[in-house]
């Protein structure tokens, strides 16, 4: 049972993000504070797109 739990933990992935970012207007910058915790076993790459245009705004 312990080995099974270790296997599950190695396959888990976490992400930290500021879900309450605020902007003064729609063209202002926002700090999302995305974080790949040290406990992850995997590299994290993030791309963010505007829903309205599909434009990539962060990579």
C-alpha atoms as a PDB file:
ATOM      1  CA  UNK A   1       0.000   0.000   0.000  1.00  0.00           C
ATOM      2  CA  UNK A   2       2.870   2.382   0.828  1.00  0.00           C
ATOM      3  CA  UNK A   3       4.476   1.909  -2.614  1.00  0.00           C
ATOM      4  CA  UNK A   4       1.150   2.616  -4.308  1.00  0.00           C
ATOM      5  CA  UNK A   5       0.801   5.856  -2.342  1.00  0.00           C
ATOM      6  CA  UNK A   6       4.354   6.906  -3.292  1.00  0.00           C
ATOM      7  CA  UNK A   7       3.556   6.267  -6.966  1.00  0.00           C
ATOM      8  CA  UNK A   8       0.427   8.430  -6.732  1.00  0.00           C
ATOM      9  CA  UNK A   9       2.330  11.245  -4.994  1.00  0.00           C
ATOM     10  CA  UNK A  10       5.036  11.238  -7.698  1.00  0.00           C
ATOM     11  CA  UNK A  11       2.397  11.660 -10.405  1.00  0.00           C
ATOM     12  CA  UNK A  12       0.595  14.564  -8.691  1.00  0.00           C
ATOM     13  CA  UNK A  13       0.976  18.144  -9.919  1.00  0.00           C
ATOM     14  CA  UNK A  14       0.222  21.388  -8.085  1.00  0.00           C
ATOM     15  CA  UNK A  15       0.145  25.009  -9.215  1.00  0.00           C
ATOM     16  CA  UNK A  16       0.038  28.191  -7.199  1.00  0.00           C
ATOM     17  CA  UNK A  17      -1.734  31.224  -8.694  1.00  0.00           C
ATOM     18  CA  UNK A  18      -3.101  34.477  -7.337  1.00  0.00           C
ATOM     19  CA  UNK A  19      -6.783  33.944  -8.105  1.00  0.00           C
ATOM     20  CA  UNK A  20      -7.791  37.388  -6.839  1.00  0.00           C
ATOM     21  CA  UNK A  21      -5.661  39.572  -9.143  1.00  0.00           C
ATOM     22  CA  UNK A  22      -7.069  43.048  -9.648  1.00  0.00           C
ATOM     23  CA  UNK A  23      -6.476  45.474 -12.521  1.00  0.00           C
ATOM     24  CA  UNK A  24      -7.310  49.184 -12.744  1.00  0.00           C
ATOM     25  CA  UNK A  25      -8.623  48.697 -16.291  1.00  0.00           C
ATOM     26  CA  UNK A  26      -8.532  46.098 -19.051  1.00  0.00           C
ATOM     27  CA  UNK A  27      -5.164  47.283 -20.408  1.00  0.00           C
ATOM     28  CA  UNK A  28      -3.416  47.435 -17.016  1.00  0.00           C
ATOM     29  CA  UNK A  29      -0.888  44.842 -15.864  1.00  0.00           C
ATOM     30  CA  UNK A  30      -1.798  42.217 -13.288  1.00  0.00           C
ATOM     31  CA  UNK A  31       0.463  40.056 -11.145  1.00  0.00           C
ATOM     32  CA  UNK A  32      -0.818  36.493 -11.285  1.00  0.00           C
ATOM     33  CA  UNK A  33       2.032  35.202  -9.112  1.00  0.00           C
ATOM     34  CA  UNK A  34       2.131  31.794 -10.800  1.00  0.00           C
ATOM     35  CA  UNK A  35       4.245  29.322  -8.890  1.00  0.00           C
ATOM     36  CA  UNK A  36       5.519  25.822  -9.507  1.00  0.00           C
ATOM     37  CA  UNK A  37       5.948  24.477  -5.947  1.00  0.00           C
ATOM     38  CA  UNK A  38       9.197  22.677  -5.141  1.00  0.00           C
ATOM     39  CA  UNK A  39       7.152  19.565  -4.298  1.00  0.00           C
ATOM     40  CA  UNK A  40       6.310  19.080  -8.010  1.00  0.00           C
ATOM     41  CA  UNK A  41       8.234  16.466  -9.920  1.00  0.00           C
ATOM     42  CA  UNK A  42       7.554  18.217 -13.227  1.00  0.00           C
ATOM     43  CA  UNK A  43       8.491  21.443 -14.993  1.00  0.00           C
ATOM     44  CA  UNK A  44       5.606  23.848 -15.514  1.00  0.00           C
ATOM     45  CA  UNK A  45       5.175  26.030 -18.611  1.00  0.00           C
ATOM     46  CA  UNK A  46       2.266  28.488 -18.657  1.00  0.00           C
ATOM     47  CA  UNK A  47       0.614  30.301 -21.546  1.00  0.00           C
ATOM     48  CA  UNK A  48      -2.282  32.703 -20.955  1.00  0.00           C
ATOM     49  CA  UNK A  49      -4.696  33.831 -23.663  1.00  0.00           C
ATOM     50  CA  UNK A  50      -7.446  36.431 -23.878  1.00  0.00           C
ATOM     51  CA  UNK A  51     -10.825  34.729 -24.271  1.00  0.00           C
ATOM     52  CA  UNK A  52     -12.120  37.570 -26.438  1.00  0.00           C
ATOM     53  CA  UNK A  53      -9.370  37.490 -29.107  1.00  0.00           C
ATOM     54  CA  UNK A  54      -7.312  34.369 -28.534  1.00  0.00           C
ATOM     55  CA  UNK A  55      -4.231  36.602 -28.202  1.00  0.00           C
ATOM     56  CA  UNK A  56      -1.397  35.111 -26.144  1.00  0.00           C
ATOM     57  CA  UNK A  57      -0.692  37.589 -23.348  1.00  0.00           C
ATOM     58  CA  UNK A  58       1.702  35.608 -21.161  1.00  0.00           C
ATOM     59  CA  UNK A  59       4.187  32.829 -21.841  1.00  0.00           C
END
